[in-house]
All heavy atoms as atom14 arrays in JSON, in Angstrom:
{
  "sequence": "DMQGRATFTPGNDKAAAFIADEFKKTGLQTWMNNGSYLQPFV",
  "atom14_mask": [
    [1, 1, 1, 1, 1, 1, 1, 1, 0, 0, 0, 0, 0, 0],
    [1, 1, 1, 1, 1, 1, 1, 1, 0, 0, 0, 0, 0, 0],
    [1, 1, 1, 1, 1, 1, 1, 1, 1, 0, 0, 0, 0, 0],
    [1, 1, 1, 1, 0, 0, 0, 0, 0, 0, 0, 0, 0, 0],
    [1, 1, 1, 1, 1, 1, 1, 1, 1, 1, 1, 0, 0, 0],
    [1, 1, 1, 1, 1, 0, 0, 0, 0, 0, 0, 0, 0, 0],
    [1, 1, 1, 1, 1, 1, 1, 0, 0, 0, 0, 0, 0, 0],
    [1, 1, 1, 1, 1, 1, 1, 1, 1, 1, 1, 0, 0, 0],
    [1, 1, 1, 1, 1, 1, 1, 0, 0, 0, 0, 0, 0, 0],
    [1, 1, 1, 1, 1, 1, 1, 0, 0, 0, 0, 0, 0, 0],
    [1, 1, 1, 1, 0, 0, 0, 0, 0, 0, 0, 0, 0, 0],
    [1, 1, 1, 1, 1, 1, 1, 1, 0, 0, 0, 0, 0, 0],
    [1, 1, 1, 1, 1, 1, 1, 1, 0, 0, 0, 0, 0, 0],
    [1, 1, 1, 1, 1, 1, 1, 1, 1, 0, 0, 0, 0, 0],
    [1, 1, 1, 1, 1, 0, 0, 0, 0, 0, 0, 0, 0, 0],
    [1, 1, 1, 1, 1, 0, 0, 0, 0, 0, 0, 0, 0, 0],
    [1, 1, 1, 1, 1, 0, 0, 0, 0, 0, 0, 0, 0, 0],
    [1, 1, 1, 1, 1, 1, 1, 1, 1, 1, 1, 0, 0, 0],
    [1, 1, 1, 1, 1, 1, 1, 1, 0, 0, 0, 0, 0, 0],
    [1, 1, 1, 1, 1, 0, 0, 0, 0, 0, 0, 0, 0, 0],
    [1, 1, 1, 1, 1, 1, 1, 1, 0, 0, 0, 0, 0, 0],
    [1, 1, 1, 1, 1, 1, 1, 1, 1, 0, 0, 0, 0, 0],
    [1, 1, 1, 1, 1, 1, 1, 1, 1, 1, 1, 0, 0, 0],
    [1, 1, 1, 1, 1, 1, 1, 1, 1, 0, 0, 0, 0, 0],
    [1, 1, 1, 1, 1, 1, 1, 1, 1, 0, 0, 0, 0, 0],
    [1, 1, 1, 1, 1, 1, 1, 0, 0, 0, 0, 0, 0, 0],
    [1, 1, 1, 1, 0, 0, 0, 0, 0, 0, 0, 0, 0, 0],
    [1, 1, 1, 1, 1, 1, 1, 1, 0, 0, 0, 0, 0, 0],
    [1, 1, 1, 1, 1, 1, 1, 1, 1, 0, 0, 0, 0, 0],
    [1, 1, 1, 1, 1, 1, 1, 0, 0, 0, 0, 0, 0, 0],
    [1, 1, 1, 1, 1, 1, 1, 1, 1, 1, 1, 1, 1, 1],
    [1, 1, 1, 1, 1, 1, 1, 1, 0, 0, 0, 0, 0, 0],
    [1, 1, 1, 1, 1, 1, 1, 1, 0, 0, 0, 0, 0, 0],
    [1, 1, 1, 1, 1, 1, 1, 1, 0, 0, 0, 0, 0, 0],
    [1, 1, 1, 1, 0, 0, 0, 0, 0, 0, 0, 0, 0, 0],
    [1, 1, 1, 1, 1, 1, 0, 0, 0, 0, 0, 0, 0, 0],
    [1, 1, 1, 1, 1, 1, 1, 1, 1, 1, 1, 1, 0, 0],
    [1, 1, 1, 1, 1, 1, 1, 1, 0, 0, 0, 0, 0, 0],
    [1, 1, 1, 1, 1, 1, 1, 1, 1, 0, 0, 0, 0, 0],
    [1, 1, 1, 1, 1, 1, 1, 0, 0, 0, 0, 0, 0, 0],
    [1, 1, 1, 1, 1, 1, 1, 1, 1, 1, 1, 0, 0, 0],
    [1, 1, 1, 1, 1, 1, 1, 0, 0, 0, 0, 0, 0, 0]
  ],
  "atom14_positions": [
    [[26.12, -19.42, 59.4], [24.88, -20.21, 59.3], [23.65, -19.33, 59.11], [22.55, -19.84, 58.87], [24.71, -21.15, 60.49], [24.57, -20.42, 61.82], [24.49, -19.18, 61.83], [24.53, -21.11, 62.86], [0.0, 0.0, 0.0], [0.0, 0.0, 0.0], [0.0, 0.0, 0.0], [0.0, 0.0, 0.0], [0.0, 0.0, 0.0], [0.0, 0.0, 0.0]],
    [[23.81, -18.01, 59.16], [22.72, -17.1, 58.8], [22.68, -16.87, 57.28], [21.76, -16.22, 56.77], [22.87, -15.76, 59.52], [22.61, -15.83, 61.0], [20.87, -16.08, 61.39], [20.92, -16.1, 63.19], [0.0, 0.0, 0.0], [0.0, 0.0, 0.0], [0.0, 0.0, 0.0], [0.0, 0.0, 0.0], [0.0, 0.0, 0.0], [0.0, 0.0, 0.0]],
    [[23.7, -17.36, 56.59], [23.74, -17.35, 55.11], [23.55, -15.95, 54.51], [22.99, -15.79, 53.44], [22.68, -18.3, 54.56], [22.86, -19.74, 55.0], [21.75, -20.64, 54.51], [20.57, -20.26, 54.52], [22.11, -21.84, 54.08], [0.0, 0.0, 0.0], [0.0, 0.0, 0.0], [0.0, 0.0, 0.0], [0.0, 0.0, 0.0], [0.0, 0.0, 0.0]],
    [[24.03, -14.93, 55.24], [23.94, -13.58, 54.71], [22.59, -12.91, 54.88], [22.39, -11.79, 54.42], [0.0, 0.0, 0.0], [0.0, 0.0, 0.0], [0.0, 0.0, 0.0], [0.0, 0.0, 0.0], [0.0, 0.0, 0.0], [0.0, 0.0, 0.0], [0.0, 0.0, 0.0], [0.0, 0.0, 0.0], [0.0, 0.0, 0.0], [0.0, 0.0, 0.0]],
    [[21.63, -13.59, 55.49], [20.33, -13.01, 55.87], [19.57, -12.37, 54.71], [18.83, -11.41, 54.88], [20.5, -11.98, 57.0], [21.27, -12.46, 58.22], [21.26, -11.43, 59.33], [21.73, -10.13, 58.93], [23.0, -9.76, 58.84], [23.96, -10.63, 59.14], [23.33, -8.54, 58.48], [0.0, 0.0, 0.0], [0.0, 0.0, 0.0], [0.0, 0.0, 0.0]],
    [[19.73, -12.88, 53.51], [19.02, -12.31, 52.36], [17.52, -12.47, 52.53], [17.03, -13.47, 53.05], [19.47, -12.97, 51.07], [0.0, 0.0, 0.0], [0.0, 0.0, 0.0], [0.0, 0.0, 0.0], [0.0, 0.0, 0.0], [0.0, 0.0, 0.0], [0.0, 0.0, 0.0], [0.0, 0.0, 0.0], [0.0, 0.0, 0.0], [0.0, 0.0, 0.0]],
    [[16.78, -11.48, 52.07], [15.32, -11.52, 52.11], [14.81, -12.76, 51.37], [15.36, -13.15, 50.35], [14.75, -10.25, 51.46], [15.35, -9.12, 52.09], [13.25, -10.16, 51.64], [0.0, 0.0, 0.0], [0.0, 0.0, 0.0], [0.0, 0.0, 0.0], [0.0, 0.0, 0.0], [0.0, 0.0, 0.0], [0.0, 0.0, 0.0], [0.0, 0.0, 0.0]],
    [[13.78, -13.39, 51.9], [13.14, -14.58, 51.33], [14.0, -15.84, 51.46], [13.84, -16.77, 50.69], [12.76, -14.38, 49.85], [11.89, -13.21, 49.58], [12.29, -12.21, 48.7], [10.65, -13.08, 50.2], [11.47, -11.13, 48.44], [9.83, -12.0, 49.94], [10.25, -11.01, 49.07], [0.0, 0.0, 0.0], [0.0, 0.0, 0.0], [0.0, 0.0, 0.0]],
    [[14.93, -15.87, 52.41], [15.75, -17.07, 52.6], [15.59, -17.6, 54.02], [15.21, -16.87, 54.94], [17.24, -16.77, 52.36], [17.72, -15.9, 53.41], [17.47, -16.15, 51.0], [0.0, 0.0, 0.0], [0.0, 0.0, 0.0], [0.0, 0.0, 0.0], [0.0, 0.0, 0.0], [0.0, 0.0, 0.0], [0.0, 0.0, 0.0], [0.0, 0.0, 0.0]],
    [[15.91, -18.88, 54.23], [15.86, -19.44, 55.59], [16.77, -18.7, 56.56], [16.46, -18.59, 57.75], [16.33, -20.89, 55.38], [15.97, -21.2, 53.96], [16.2, -19.92, 53.22], [0.0, 0.0, 0.0], [0.0, 0.0, 0.0], [0.0, 0.0, 0.0], [0.0, 0.0, 0.0], [0.0, 0.0, 0.0], [0.0, 0.0, 0.0], [0.0, 0.0, 0.0]],
    [[17.89, -18.17, 56.06], [18.8, -17.41, 56.93], [18.14, -16.15, 57.46], [18.34, -15.77, 58.63], [0.0, 0.0, 0.0], [0.0, 0.0, 0.0], [0.0, 0.0, 0.0], [0.0, 0.0, 0.0], [0.0, 0.0, 0.0], [0.0, 0.0, 0.0], [0.0, 0.0, 0.0], [0.0, 0.0, 0.0], [0.0, 0.0, 0.0], [0.0, 0.0, 0.0]],
    [[17.36, -15.49, 56.63], [16.63, -14.3, 57.05], [15.61, -14.66, 58.12], [15.48, -13.97, 59.15], [15.95, -13.67, 55.84], [15.3, -12.33, 56.15], [14.15, -12.26, 56.54], [16.05, -11.25, 55.94], [0.0, 0.0, 0.0], [0.0, 0.0, 0.0], [0.0, 0.0, 0.0], [0.0, 0.0, 0.0], [0.0, 0.0, 0.0], [0.0, 0.0, 0.0]],
    [[14.89, -15.77, 57.93], [13.91, -16.23, 58.92], [14.59, -16.6, 60.23], [14.06, -16.34, 61.32], [13.14, -17.44, 58.38], [12.28, -17.11, 57.17], [11.95, -15.92, 56.98], [11.93, -18.04, 56.42], [0.0, 0.0, 0.0], [0.0, 0.0, 0.0], [0.0, 0.0, 0.0], [0.0, 0.0, 0.0], [0.0, 0.0, 0.0], [0.0, 0.0, 0.0]],
    [[15.76, -17.2, 60.13], [16.5, -17.61, 61.32], [16.93, -16.39, 62.13], [16.86, -16.38, 63.37], [17.72, -18.44, 60.92], [18.48, -19.05, 62.09], [19.58, -19.99, 61.59], [20.3, -20.64, 62.76], [21.34, -21.59, 62.29], [0.0, 0.0, 0.0], [0.0, 0.0, 0.0], [0.0, 0.0, 0.0], [0.0, 0.0, 0.0], [0.0, 0.0, 0.0]],
    [[17.37, -15.35, 61.42], [17.76, -14.12, 62.1], [16.56, -13.49, 62.8], [16.66, -13.0, 63.93], [18.37, -13.14, 61.1], [0.0, 0.0, 0.0], [0.0, 0.0, 0.0], [0.0, 0.0, 0.0], [0.0, 0.0, 0.0], [0.0, 0.0, 0.0], [0.0, 0.0, 0.0], [0.0, 0.0, 0.0], [0.0, 0.0, 0.0], [0.0, 0.0, 0.0]],
    [[15.4, -13.48, 62.13], [14.18, -12.92, 62.72], [13.82, -13.67, 64.0], [13.43, -13.06, 65.01], [13.04, -12.98, 61.72], [0.0, 0.0, 0.0], [0.0, 0.0, 0.0], [0.0, 0.0, 0.0], [0.0, 0.0, 0.0], [0.0, 0.0, 0.0], [0.0, 0.0, 0.0], [0.0, 0.0, 0.0], [0.0, 0.0, 0.0], [0.0, 0.0, 0.0]],
    [[13.93, -14.99, 63.97], [13.6, -15.79, 65.14], [14.54, -15.49, 66.3], [14.13, -15.44, 67.47], [13.66, -17.27, 64.78], [0.0, 0.0, 0.0], [0.0, 0.0, 0.0], [0.0, 0.0, 0.0], [0.0, 0.0, 0.0], [0.0, 0.0, 0.0], [0.0, 0.0, 0.0], [0.0, 0.0, 0.0], [0.0, 0.0, 0.0], [0.0, 0.0, 0.0]],
    [[15.83, -15.29, 65.99], [16.8, -14.95, 67.03], [16.46, -13.61, 67.68], [16.47, -13.47, 68.92], [18.21, -14.9, 66.45], [19.23, -14.31, 67.38], [19.7, -15.02, 68.48], [19.71, -13.01, 67.17], [20.62, -14.46, 69.35], [20.63, -12.44, 68.04], [21.09, -13.16, 69.13], [0.0, 0.0, 0.0], [0.0, 0.0, 0.0], [0.0, 0.0, 0.0]],
    [[16.14, -12.61, 66.86], [15.81, -11.28, 67.39], [14.55, -11.35, 68.25], [14.48, -10.77, 69.34], [15.63, -10.27, 66.24], [16.94, -10.12, 65.46], [15.17, -8.91, 66.76], [16.78, -9.46, 64.1], [0.0, 0.0, 0.0], [0.0, 0.0, 0.0], [0.0, 0.0, 0.0], [0.0, 0.0, 0.0], [0.0, 0.0, 0.0], [0.0, 0.0, 0.0]],
    [[13.55, -12.09, 67.77], [12.31, -12.26, 68.54], [12.6, -12.9, 69.89], [12.02, -12.51, 70.92], [11.31, -13.09, 67.75], [0.0, 0.0, 0.0], [0.0, 0.0, 0.0], [0.0, 0.0, 0.0], [0.0, 0.0, 0.0], [0.0, 0.0, 0.0], [0.0, 0.0, 0.0], [0.0, 0.0, 0.0], [0.0, 0.0, 0.0], [0.0, 0.0, 0.0]],
    [[13.5, -13.88, 69.91], [13.84, -14.55, 71.17], [14.54, -13.6, 72.13], [14.31, -13.64, 73.34], [14.72, -15.76, 70.88], [14.93, -16.64, 72.1], [13.91, -17.05, 72.7], [16.09, -16.9, 72.46], [0.0, 0.0, 0.0], [0.0, 0.0, 0.0], [0.0, 0.0, 0.0], [0.0, 0.0, 0.0], [0.0, 0.0, 0.0], [0.0, 0.0, 0.0]],
    [[15.4, -12.71, 71.58], [16.05, -11.72, 72.43], [15.02, -10.76, 73.03], [15.11, -10.39, 74.21], [17.08, -10.93, 71.61], [18.31, -11.72, 71.22], [19.15, -12.1, 72.43], [19.47, -11.22, 73.25], [19.49, -13.3, 72.56], [0.0, 0.0, 0.0], [0.0, 0.0, 0.0], [0.0, 0.0, 0.0], [0.0, 0.0, 0.0], [0.0, 0.0, 0.0]],
    [[14.02, -10.37, 72.25], [12.95, -9.51, 72.76], [12.18, -10.2, 73.88], [11.85, -9.6, 74.9], [12.0, -9.13, 71.64], [12.51, -8.08, 70.68], [11.83, -7.79, 69.51], [13.66, -7.37, 70.95], [12.27, -6.83, 68.63], [14.14, -6.4, 70.07], [13.43, -6.13, 68.91], [0.0, 0.0, 0.0], [0.0, 0.0, 0.0], [0.0, 0.0, 0.0]],
    [[11.92, -11.49, 73.67], [11.18, -12.26, 74.68], [11.97, -12.35, 75.98], [11.42, -12.14, 77.08], [10.87, -13.66, 74.14], [10.05, -14.52, 75.1], [9.72, -15.88, 74.48], [8.89, -16.72, 75.45], [8.56, -18.04, 74.85], [0.0, 0.0, 0.0], [0.0, 0.0, 0.0], [0.0, 0.0, 0.0], [0.0, 0.0, 0.0], [0.0, 0.0, 0.0]],
    [[13.26, -12.65, 75.88], [14.1, -12.75, 77.07], [14.22, -11.42, 77.78], [14.33, -11.36, 79.01], [15.49, -13.26, 76.68], [15.53, -14.71, 76.23], [16.92, -15.1, 75.77], [16.96, -16.56, 75.31], [18.3, -16.92, 74.76], [0.0, 0.0, 0.0], [0.0, 0.0, 0.0], [0.0, 0.0, 0.0], [0.0, 0.0, 0.0], [0.0, 0.0, 0.0]],
    [[14.18, -10.35, 77.01], [14.27, -9.0, 77.59], [12.99, -8.63, 78.33], [13.0, -7.83, 79.27], [14.56, -7.97, 76.49], [15.81, -8.3, 75.86], [14.66, -6.56, 77.03], [0.0, 0.0, 0.0], [0.0, 0.0, 0.0], [0.0, 0.0, 0.0], [0.0, 0.0, 0.0], [0.0, 0.0, 0.0], [0.0, 0.0, 0.0], [0.0, 0.0, 0.0]],
    [[11.87, -9.22, 77.91], [10.59, -8.93, 78.56], [9.79, -7.84, 77.88], [8.93, -7.22, 78.5], [0.0, 0.0, 0.0], [0.0, 0.0, 0.0], [0.0, 0.0, 0.0], [0.0, 0.0, 0.0], [0.0, 0.0, 0.0], [0.0, 0.0, 0.0], [0.0, 0.0, 0.0], [0.0, 0.0, 0.0], [0.0, 0.0, 0.0], [0.0, 0.0, 0.0]],
    [[10.05, -7.63, 76.59], [9.28, -6.65, 75.84], [7.89, -7.2, 75.53], [7.68, -8.41, 75.47], [9.98, -6.3, 74.53], [11.38, -5.7, 74.62], [11.88, -5.33, 73.23], [11.42, -4.48, 75.54], [0.0, 0.0, 0.0], [0.0, 0.0, 0.0], [0.0, 0.0, 0.0], [0.0, 0.0, 0.0], [0.0, 0.0, 0.0], [0.0, 0.0, 0.0]],
    [[6.95, -6.31, 75.31], [5.62, -6.71, 74.88], [5.58, -6.84, 73.37], [6.44, -6.32, 72.66], [4.57, -5.68, 75.35], [4.36, -5.64, 76.84], [3.2, -4.75, 77.24], [2.37, -4.35, 76.42], [3.14, -4.41, 78.51], [0.0, 0.0, 0.0], [0.0, 0.0, 0.0], [0.0, 0.0, 0.0], [0.0, 0.0, 0.0], [0.0, 0.0, 0.0]],
    [[4.59, -7.54, 72.87], [4.4, -7.64, 71.43], [3.53, -6.49, 70.95], [2.82, -5.84, 71.74], [3.73, -8.98, 71.07], [2.47, -9.09, 71.75], [4.61, -10.16, 71.46], [0.0, 0.0, 0.0], [0.0, 0.0, 0.0], [0.0, 0.0, 0.0], [0.0, 0.0, 0.0], [0.0, 0.0, 0.0], [0.0, 0.0, 0.0], [0.0, 0.0, 0.0]],
    [[3.58, -6.23, 69.65], [2.8, -5.14, 69.06], [1.31, -5.43, 69.23], [0.84, -6.5, 68.87], [3.16, -5.01, 67.58], [2.41, -3.96, 66.83], [1.5, -4.15, 65.84], [2.52, -2.54, 67.0], [1.04, -2.94, 65.37], [1.64, -1.94, 66.07], [3.27, -1.72, 67.84], [1.5, -0.55, 65.95], [3.14, -0.34, 67.72], [2.27, 0.22, 66.8]],
    [[0.59, -4.46, 69.8], [-0.85, -4.59, 70.05], [-1.16, -5.82, 70.91], [-2.28, -6.33, 70.88], [-1.62, -4.69, 68.73], [-1.46, -3.49, 67.82], [-2.18, -2.0, 68.54], [-1.98, -0.85, 67.18], [0.0, 0.0, 0.0], [0.0, 0.0, 0.0], [0.0, 0.0, 0.0], [0.0, 0.0, 0.0], [0.0, 0.0, 0.0], [0.0, 0.0, 0.0]],
    [[-0.15, -6.3, 71.66], [-0.33, -7.5, 72.49], [-0.89, -8.68, 71.7], [-1.72, -9.45, 72.18], [-1.24, -7.2, 73.69], [-0.56, -6.32, 74.72], [0.58, -6.58, 75.11], [-1.25, -5.28, 75.15], [0.0, 0.0, 0.0], [0.0, 0.0, 0.0], [0.0, 0.0, 0.0], [0.0, 0.0, 0.0], [0.0, 0.0, 0.0], [0.0, 0.0, 0.0]],
    [[-0.39, -8.82, 70.45], [-0.95, -9.87, 69.58], [-0.27, -11.22, 69.77], [-0.59, -12.18, 69.08], [-0.86, -9.45, 68.11], [0.58, -9.3, 67.63], [1.53, -9.6, 68.35], [0.75, -8.84, 66.41], [0.0, 0.0, 0.0], [0.0, 0.0, 0.0], [0.0, 0.0, 0.0], [0.0, 0.0, 0.0], [0.0, 0.0, 0.0], [0.0, 0.0, 0.0]],
    [[0.69, -11.31, 70.69], [1.29, -12.59, 71.02], [2.49, -12.98, 70.18], [3.09, -14.02, 70.42], [0.0, 0.0, 0.0], [0.0, 0.0, 0.0], [0.0, 0.0, 0.0], [0.0, 0.0, 0.0], [0.0, 0.0, 0.0], [0.0, 0.0, 0.0], [0.0, 0.0, 0.0], [0.0, 0.0, 0.0], [0.0, 0.0, 0.0], [0.0, 0.0, 0.0]],
    [[2.87, -12.15, 69.19], [4.02, -12.48, 68.35], [4.87, -11.23, 68.14], [4.34, -10.14, 67.92], [3.56, -13.01, 66.99], [4.68, -13.21, 66.13], [0.0, 0.0, 0.0], [0.0, 0.0, 0.0], [0.0, 0.0, 0.0], [0.0, 0.0, 0.0], [0.0, 0.0, 0.0], [0.0, 0.0, 0.0], [0.0, 0.0, 0.0], [0.0, 0.0, 0.0]],
    [[6.18, -11.42, 68.2], [7.09, -10.32, 67.91], [7.27, -10.11, 66.41], [7.86, -9.12, 66.0], [8.45, -10.59, 68.56], [8.39, -10.61, 70.07], [8.46, -11.81, 70.77], [8.25, -9.43, 70.8], [8.39, -11.84, 72.16], [8.19, -9.45, 72.18], [8.25, -10.66, 72.85], [8.17, -10.67, 74.23], [0.0, 0.0, 0.0], [0.0, 0.0, 0.0]],
    [[6.78, -11.02, 65.61], [6.9, -10.89, 64.16], [5.77, -10.03, 63.6], [4.61, -10.2, 63.98], [6.88, -12.26, 63.5], [7.97, -13.25, 63.94], [7.85, -14.56, 63.16], [9.36, -12.66, 63.78], [0.0, 0.0, 0.0], [0.0, 0.0, 0.0], [0.0, 0.0, 0.0], [0.0, 0.0, 0.0], [0.0, 0.0, 0.0], [0.0, 0.0, 0.0]],
    [[6.11, -9.12, 62.73], [5.12, -8.29, 62.04], [5.09, -8.75, 60.58], [5.86, -8.3, 59.75], [5.5, -6.81, 62.11], [4.48, -5.89, 61.45], [4.96, -4.45, 61.37], [6.07, -4.17, 60.93], [4.11, -3.53, 61.82], [0.0, 0.0, 0.0], [0.0, 0.0, 0.0], [0.0, 0.0, 0.0], [0.0, 0.0, 0.0], [0.0, 0.0, 0.0]],
    [[4.16, -9.67, 60.25], [4.14, -10.21, 58.88], [3.51, -9.23, 57.9], [2.63, -8.45, 58.26], [3.29, -11.47, 59.03], [2.38, -11.17, 60.17], [3.15, -10.29, 61.12], [0.0, 0.0, 0.0], [0.0, 0.0, 0.0], [0.0, 0.0, 0.0], [0.0, 0.0, 0.0], [0.0, 0.0, 0.0], [0.0, 0.0, 0.0], [0.0, 0.0, 0.0]],
    [[3.97, -9.29, 56.68], [3.32, -8.55, 55.6], [3.59, -9.28, 54.29], [4.48, -10.13, 54.21], [3.78, -7.09, 55.53], [5.26, -6.89, 55.29], [5.73, -6.59, 54.02], [6.17, -6.96, 56.33], [7.08, -6.38, 53.79], [7.52, -6.76, 56.12], [7.98, -6.46, 54.84], [0.0, 0.0, 0.0], [0.0, 0.0, 0.0], [0.0, 0.0, 0.0]],
    [[2.82, -8.96, 53.31], [2.9, -9.65, 52.01], [3.39, -8.68, 50.96], [2.94, -7.53, 50.87], [1.52, -10.22, 51.61], [1.59, -10.82, 50.2], [1.09, -11.28, 52.61], [0.0, 0.0, 0.0], [0.0, 0.0, 0.0], [0.0, 0.0, 0.0], [0.0, 0.0, 0.0], [0.0, 0.0, 0.0], [0.0, 0.0, 0.0], [0.0, 0.0, 0.0]]
  ]
}
C-alpha cells in the first residue's frame, strides 16, 4: 500500500507521514522547533 514510495506519489507522502509519526512517538524535536517533522522544498 506504499506503492513503491516513488517521488511525487501518494505512496511517498504516506511513507513520510509514517516516519514523522515514528519521530513523534519517539519524542524527537522538530527542526528549528518549527512544529513539523517535514522539511518541505520545491
